[in-house]
Each structure stands twice: as C-alpha cells, then as structure tokens.
C-alpha atoms as a PDB file:
ATOM      1  CA  UNK A   1       7.135 -36.625 -61.191  1.00  0.00           C
ATOM      2  CA  UNK A   2      10.088 -35.130 -59.726  1.00  0.00           C
ATOM      3  CA  UNK A   3       9.727 -33.059 -56.381  1.00  0.00           C
ATOM      4  CA  UNK A   4      11.113 -29.133 -56.092  1.00  0.00           C
ATOM      5  CA  UNK A   5      14.372 -29.389 -53.902  1.00  0.00           C
ATOM      6  CA  UNK A   6      14.138 -25.929 -51.897  1.00  0.00           C
ATOM      7  CA  UNK A   7      16.580 -22.845 -52.811  1.00  0.00           C
ATOM      8  CA  UNK A   8      19.461 -21.652 -51.666  1.00  0.00           C
ATOM      9  CA  UNK A   9      19.328 -17.426 -51.758  1.00  0.00           C
ATOM     10  CA  UNK A  10      22.479 -16.455 -50.003  1.00  0.00           C
ATOM     11  CA  UNK A  11      24.110 -13.550 -50.325  1.00  0.00           C
ATOM     12  CA  UNK A  12      21.769 -12.574 -53.076  1.00  0.00           C
ATOM     13  CA  UNK A  13      20.429  -9.263 -53.698  1.00  0.00           C
ATOM     14  CA  UNK A  14      16.670  -9.152 -54.805  1.00  0.00           C
ATOM     15  CA  UNK A  15      17.575  -6.650 -58.050  1.00  0.00           C
ATOM     16  CA  UNK A  16      19.920  -8.711 -58.798  1.00  0.00           C
ATOM     17  CA  UNK A  17      18.103 -12.420 -58.622  1.00  0.00           C
ATOM     18  CA  UNK A  18      15.301 -10.906 -61.384  1.00  0.00           C
ATOM     19  CA  UNK A  19      12.959 -14.112 -60.647  1.00  0.00           C
ATOM     20  CA  UNK A  20       9.567 -13.800 -58.731  1.00  0.00           C
ATOM     21  CA  UNK A  21       7.042 -16.997 -57.777  1.00  0.00           C
ATOM     22  CA  UNK A  22       3.407 -15.897 -58.645  1.00  0.00           C
ATOM     23  CA  UNK A  23       0.456 -17.762 -57.335  1.00  0.00           C
ATOM     24  CA  UNK A  24      -2.795 -18.420 -59.453  1.00  0.00           C
ATOM     25  CA  UNK A  25      -4.995 -18.587 -57.008  1.00  0.00           C
ATOM     26  CA  UNK A  26      -8.290 -20.723 -57.754  1.00  0.00           C
ATOM     27  CA  UNK A  27     -11.814 -22.378 -56.770  1.00  0.00           C
ATOM     28  CA  UNK A  28     -14.744 -24.619 -58.485  1.00  0.00           C
ATOM     29  CA  UNK A  29     -17.558 -22.485 -58.738  1.00  0.00           C
ATOM     30  CA  UNK A  30     -20.531 -24.015 -60.912  1.00  0.00           C
ATOM     31  CA  UNK A  31     -18.549 -26.472 -62.189  1.00  0.00           C
ATOM     32  CA  UNK A  32     -16.283 -23.728 -63.886  1.00  0.00           C
ATOM     33  CA  UNK A  33     -13.108 -22.213 -62.156  1.00  0.00           C
ATOM     34  CA  UNK A  34     -12.394 -18.991 -60.559  1.00  0.00           C
ATOM     35  CA  UNK A  35      -9.284 -16.894 -60.058  1.00  0.00           C
ATOM     36  CA  UNK A  36      -8.294 -14.788 -57.536  1.00  0.00           C
ATOM     37  CA  UNK A  37      -7.149 -11.446 -58.914  1.00  0.00           C
ATOM     38  CA  UNK A  38      -5.885  -8.726 -56.467  1.00  0.00           C
ATOM     39  CA  UNK A  39      -4.845  -4.703 -57.044  1.00  0.00           C
ATOM     40  CA  UNK A  40      -1.080  -3.542 -56.853  1.00  0.00           C
ATOM     41  CA  UNK A  41      -0.386  -1.167 -54.293  1.00  0.00           C
ATOM     42  CA  UNK A  42       0.748   1.210 -56.070  1.00  0.00           C
ATOM     43  CA  UNK A  43      -1.366   1.867 -59.642  1.00  0.00           C
ATOM     44  CA  UNK A  44      -3.936  -0.622 -59.141  1.00  0.00           C
ATOM     45  CA  UNK A  45      -3.472  -2.708 -61.888  1.00  0.00           C
ATOM     46  CA  UNK A  46      -4.870  -6.395 -61.603  1.00  0.00           C
ATOM     47  CA  UNK A  47      -2.147  -9.015 -60.625  1.00  0.00           C
ATOM     48  CA  UNK A  48      -2.166 -12.275 -59.501  1.00  0.00           C
ATOM     49  CA  UNK A  49       0.301 -12.648 -55.894  1.00  0.00           C
ATOM     50  CA  UNK A  50       4.035 -12.729 -56.445  1.00  0.00           C
ATOM     51  CA  UNK A  51       6.903 -12.754 -54.797  1.00  0.00           C
ATOM     52  CA  UNK A  52      10.688 -13.077 -54.172  1.00  0.00           C
ATOM     53  CA  UNK A  53      12.417 -16.477 -53.689  1.00  0.00           C
ATOM     54  CA  UNK A  54      12.728 -17.411 -50.041  1.00  0.00           C
ATOM     55  CA  UNK A  55      15.922 -19.001 -48.680  1.00  0.00           C
ATOM     56  CA  UNK A  56      14.771 -22.985 -47.653  1.00  0.00           C
ATOM     57  CA  UNK A  57      10.943 -22.791 -49.402  1.00  0.00           C
ATOM     58  CA  UNK A  58      10.351 -24.680 -52.970  1.00  0.00           C
ATOM     59  CA  UNK A  59       8.966 -21.885 -55.520  1.00  0.00           C
ATOM     60  CA  UNK A  60       5.310 -23.624 -54.751  1.00  0.00           C
ATOM     61  CA  UNK A  61       5.810 -22.635 -51.296  1.00  0.00           C
ATOM     62  CA  UNK A  62       6.922 -19.442 -51.525  1.00  0.00           C
ATOM     63  CA  UNK A  63       3.498 -18.691 -54.649  1.00  0.00           C
ATOM     64  CA  UNK A  64       1.703 -19.950 -51.265  1.00  0.00           C
ATOM     65  CA  UNK A  65       3.371 -17.645 -48.701  1.00  0.00           C
ATOM     66  CA  UNK A  66       2.837 -14.732 -50.943  1.00  0.00           C
ATOM     67  CA  UNK A  67      -0.658 -15.641 -51.945  1.00  0.00           C
ATOM     68  CA  UNK A  68      -1.968 -15.310 -48.275  1.00  0.00           C
ATOM     69  CA  UNK A  69       0.135 -12.424 -47.332  1.00  0.00           C
ATOM     70  CA  UNK A  70      -0.719 -10.311 -50.241  1.00  0.00           C
ATOM     71  CA  UNK A  71      -4.451 -11.784 -50.548  1.00  0.00           C
ATOM     72  CA  UNK A  72      -5.247 -13.897 -47.476  1.00  0.00           C
ATOM     73  CA  UNK A  73      -5.738 -17.176 -49.060  1.00  0.00           C
ATOM     74  CA  UNK A  74      -5.788 -20.054 -47.166  1.00  0.00           C
ATOM     75  CA  UNK A  75      -5.050 -23.298 -49.670  1.00  0.00           C
ATOM     76  CA  UNK A  76      -2.824 -25.823 -50.943  1.00  0.00           C
ATOM     77  CA  UNK A  77      -0.502 -24.988 -53.194  1.00  0.00           C
ATOM     78  CA  UNK A  78       1.448 -27.389 -56.001  1.00  0.00           C
ATOM     79  CA  UNK A  79       4.621 -28.441 -57.180  1.00  0.00           C
ATOM     80  CA  UNK A  80       3.702 -27.927 -60.849  1.00  0.00           C
ATOM     81  CA  UNK A  81       4.855 -25.024 -62.602  1.00  0.00           C
ATOM     82  CA  UNK A  82       1.750 -23.616 -65.048  1.00  0.00           C
ATOM     83  CA  UNK A  83       4.245 -20.988 -66.939  1.00  0.00           C
ATOM     84  CA  UNK A  84       6.074 -17.813 -66.811  1.00  0.00           C
ATOM     85  CA  UNK A  85       5.782 -14.342 -67.377  1.00  0.00           C
ATOM     86  CA  UNK A  86       7.830 -11.482 -67.882  1.00  0.00           C
ATOM     87  CA  UNK A  87       7.411  -7.521 -66.704  1.00  0.00           C
ATOM     88  CA  UNK A  88       9.096  -5.002 -66.073  1.00  0.00           C
ATOM     89  CA  UNK A  89       9.221  -4.590 -61.954  1.00  0.00           C
ATOM     90  CA  UNK A  90       9.713  -0.491 -60.390  1.00  0.00           C
ATOM     91  CA  UNK A  91      11.593  -0.390 -57.218  1.00  0.00           C
ATOM     92  CA  UNK A  92      10.928   2.767 -57.316  1.00  0.00           C
ATOM     93  CA  UNK A  93       9.900   5.530 -59.281  1.00  0.00           C
ATOM     94  CA  UNK A  94      13.266   5.522 -61.721  1.00  0.00           C
ATOM     95  CA  UNK A  95      14.747   2.109 -61.144  1.00  0.00           C
ATOM     96  CA  UNK A  96      13.824  -1.244 -62.209  1.00  0.00           C
ATOM     97  CA  UNK A  97      14.609  -4.220 -63.954  1.00  0.00           C
ATOM     98  CA  UNK A  98      13.435  -7.096 -65.647  1.00  0.00           C
ATOM     99  CA  UNK A  99      11.489  -9.879 -64.087  1.00  0.00           C
ATOM    100  CA  UNK A 100      10.512 -13.056 -65.009  1.00  0.00           C
ATOM    101  CA  UNK A 101       8.005 -14.626 -62.612  1.00  0.00           C
ATOM    102  CA  UNK A 102       7.061 -18.343 -62.807  1.00  0.00           C
ATOM    103  CA  UNK A 103       3.351 -19.300 -61.913  1.00  0.00           C
ATOM    104  CA  UNK A 104       2.372 -21.926 -59.869  1.00  0.00           C
ATOM    105  CA  UNK A 105      -1.541 -22.815 -58.349  1.00  0.00           C
ATOM    106  CA  UNK A 106      -3.051 -22.380 -55.351  1.00  0.00           C
ATOM    107  CA  UNK A 107      -6.392 -23.801 -54.382  1.00  0.00           C
ATOM    108  CA  UNK A 108      -8.265 -21.627 -52.407  1.00  0.00           C
ATOM    109  CA  UNK A 109     -10.119 -23.105 -49.102  1.00  0.00           C
ATOM    110  CA  UNK A 110     -11.301 -19.829 -47.615  1.00  0.00           C
ATOM    111  CA  UNK A 111      -9.601 -16.432 -48.111  1.00  0.00           C
ATOM    112  CA  UNK A 112      -9.127 -14.584 -44.532  1.00  0.00           C
ATOM    113  CA  UNK A 113     -10.330 -11.049 -43.292  1.00  0.00           C
ATOM    114  CA  UNK A 114      -7.237 -10.185 -41.807  1.00  0.00           C
ATOM    115  CA  UNK A 115      -4.024 -10.878 -43.708  1.00  0.00           C
ATOM    116  CA  UNK A 116      -0.286  -8.664 -43.926  1.00  0.00           C
ATOM    117  CA  UNK A 117      -1.752  -7.132 -46.839  1.00  0.00           C
ATOM    118  CA  UNK A 118      -4.568  -5.820 -46.146  1.00  0.00           C
ATOM    119  CA  UNK A 119      -6.108  -2.018 -47.068  1.00  0.00           C
ATOM    120  CA  UNK A 120      -3.174  -2.186 -49.379  1.00  0.00           C
ATOM    121  CA  UNK A 121      -5.034  -4.664 -52.363  1.00  0.00           C
ATOM    122  CA  UNK A 122      -8.225  -5.180 -53.210  1.00  0.00           C
ATOM    123  CA  UNK A 123      -9.582  -8.694 -53.930  1.00  0.00           C
ATOM    124  CA  UNK A 124     -11.866 -10.098 -56.881  1.00  0.00           C
ATOM    125  CA  UNK A 125     -12.381 -12.972 -57.747  1.00  0.00           C
ATOM    126  CA  UNK A 126     -12.761 -13.750 -61.674  1.00  0.00           C
ATOM    127  CA  UNK A 127     -13.634 -15.991 -64.814  1.00  0.00           C
ATOM    128  CA  UNK A 128     -10.751 -17.249 -66.759  1.00  0.00           C
ATOM    129  CA  UNK A 129     -11.250 -15.156 -69.566  1.00  0.00           C
ATOM    130  CA  UNK A 130     -12.330 -11.660 -67.662  1.00  0.00           C
ATOM    131  CA  UNK A 131      -9.033 -12.414 -66.034  1.00  0.00           C
ATOM    132  CA  UNK A 132      -6.992 -12.538 -69.239  1.00  0.00           C
ATOM    133  CA  UNK A 133      -8.595  -9.613 -70.225  1.00  0.00           C
ATOM    134  CA  UNK A 134      -7.386  -6.947 -66.843  1.00  0.00           C
ATOM    135  CA  UNK A 135      -4.229  -8.317 -67.040  1.00  0.00           C
ATOM    136  CA  UNK A 136      -0.913  -6.447 -69.189  1.00  0.00           C
ATOM    137  CA  UNK A 137       1.448  -9.035 -69.579  1.00  0.00           C
ATOM    138  CA  UNK A 138       0.366 -11.412 -72.997  1.00  0.00           C
ATOM    139  CA  UNK A 139       1.784 -14.418 -71.073  1.00  0.00           C
ATOM    140  CA  UNK A 140      -0.021 -14.095 -68.118  1.00  0.00           C
ATOM    141  CA  UNK A 141      -3.178 -13.932 -70.026  1.00  0.00           C
ATOM    142  CA  UNK A 142      -2.374 -16.963 -72.019  1.00  0.00           C
ATOM    143  CA  UNK A 143      -1.738 -19.391 -68.863  1.00  0.00           C
ATOM    144  CA  UNK A 144      -5.088 -18.068 -67.682  1.00  0.00           C
ATOM    145  CA  UNK A 145      -7.217 -18.430 -70.838  1.00  0.00           C
ATOM    146  CA  UNK A 146      -5.253 -22.404 -70.772  1.00  0.00           C
ATOM    147  CA  UNK A 147      -5.677 -23.231 -66.876  1.00  0.00           C
ATOM    148  CA  UNK A 148      -7.133 -26.629 -66.221  1.00  0.00           C
ATOM    149  CA  UNK A 149      -7.280 -27.372 -62.528  1.00  0.00           C
ATOM    150  CA  UNK A 150      -8.414 -31.309 -63.770  1.00  0.00           C
ATOM    151  CA  UNK A 151      -4.473 -31.505 -64.836  1.00  0.00           C
ATOM    152  CA  UNK A 152      -2.911 -30.919 -61.753  1.00  0.00           C
ATOM    153  CA  UNK A 153      -1.021 -32.911 -59.956  1.00  0.00           C
ATOM    154  CA  UNK A 154      -1.518 -33.860 -55.960  1.00  0.00           C
ATOM    155  CA  UNK A 155      -0.731 -30.766 -53.963  1.00  0.00           C
ATOM    156  CA  UNK A 156       1.610 -29.762 -51.479  1.00  0.00           C
ATOM    157  CA  UNK A 157       1.424 -28.050 -47.933  1.00  0.00           C
ATOM    158  CA  UNK A 158       3.685 -25.101 -46.961  1.00  0.00           C
ATOM    159  CA  UNK A 159       5.139 -24.903 -43.794  1.00  0.00           C
ATOM    160  CA  UNK A 160       4.777 -21.013 -42.421  1.00  0.00           C
END
C-alpha cells in the first residue's frame, strides 16, 4: 500500500483550491455501522465534517482534525479514500464555488462534550441508509450506502 504524503499548500487561496477533505465518522452498534452526522452552521442541513487542506497534513489527517473541530470526534483515521462527492460551497450569500470533497473514514472511540464548534452544530448517529437519505449530495449518499468498515486497512493517528 502506498502511504499518502503530507500536502504542500503554500501560497494558496481557499477559493482557488476548491477541494476539501471529509470525515465519515463511524462506530459499530449491534454489529452494524452507524455514522455520525452533523448539521451545517447556516441552513441546518445534515452533512459529514469536512474542511480545507492543511499544510503538512495528509488528507486523512486533515479529515480527522475536522472531525474533532466540528463534531468532537476522538478516534483513528484511515488513509484510504472512500470516494469523492461534489457540492457548491458558499463563501457568502452571493459568492461560492464548486468543490470536491474526498471522504476518509474515522473510527470513533469517543465524542467530547467540549470541542471548538460546540453549540454551532447538532450531531446525531444514524444508520447508513438513513444518513444517505438525509444528505443532498447524490455521490455522498452512494458512499454512505456502500460503506463497509470490514474492508478498511490499518488506521493512522494524526498529530494535533
């Protein structure tokens, strides 16, 4: 297996980058996977945590950090990308850009009560099919429906 190298994002503008790394946070409950869904800060839609590339971090490490910041997830990430989904990212009410989000799995060990975006989002555990019906992006819905944690490689651990 090829290990993902950290990314160099010198001299970039987030609006030009138009790519994000997303975290599919999961746990096993009665032998079946559940995913942690969060709401957006604006409209309250159900999504998975995601954010911009981070200098010196791999995509999987960036996804793990976003999962902590947006949902209080404590766990282990995996270098394997599960898939990609597209959406339109709004920067302001009138300014936005098309984005691609690469999805990385995160096995959740615990959820912190206090985390950076506490109070700005709701979080809820859902089965894969229910989560797929809650998202607006068809590619993300397909990733959720097809997710099988038994096929994952060895997890990685991000430095904070």
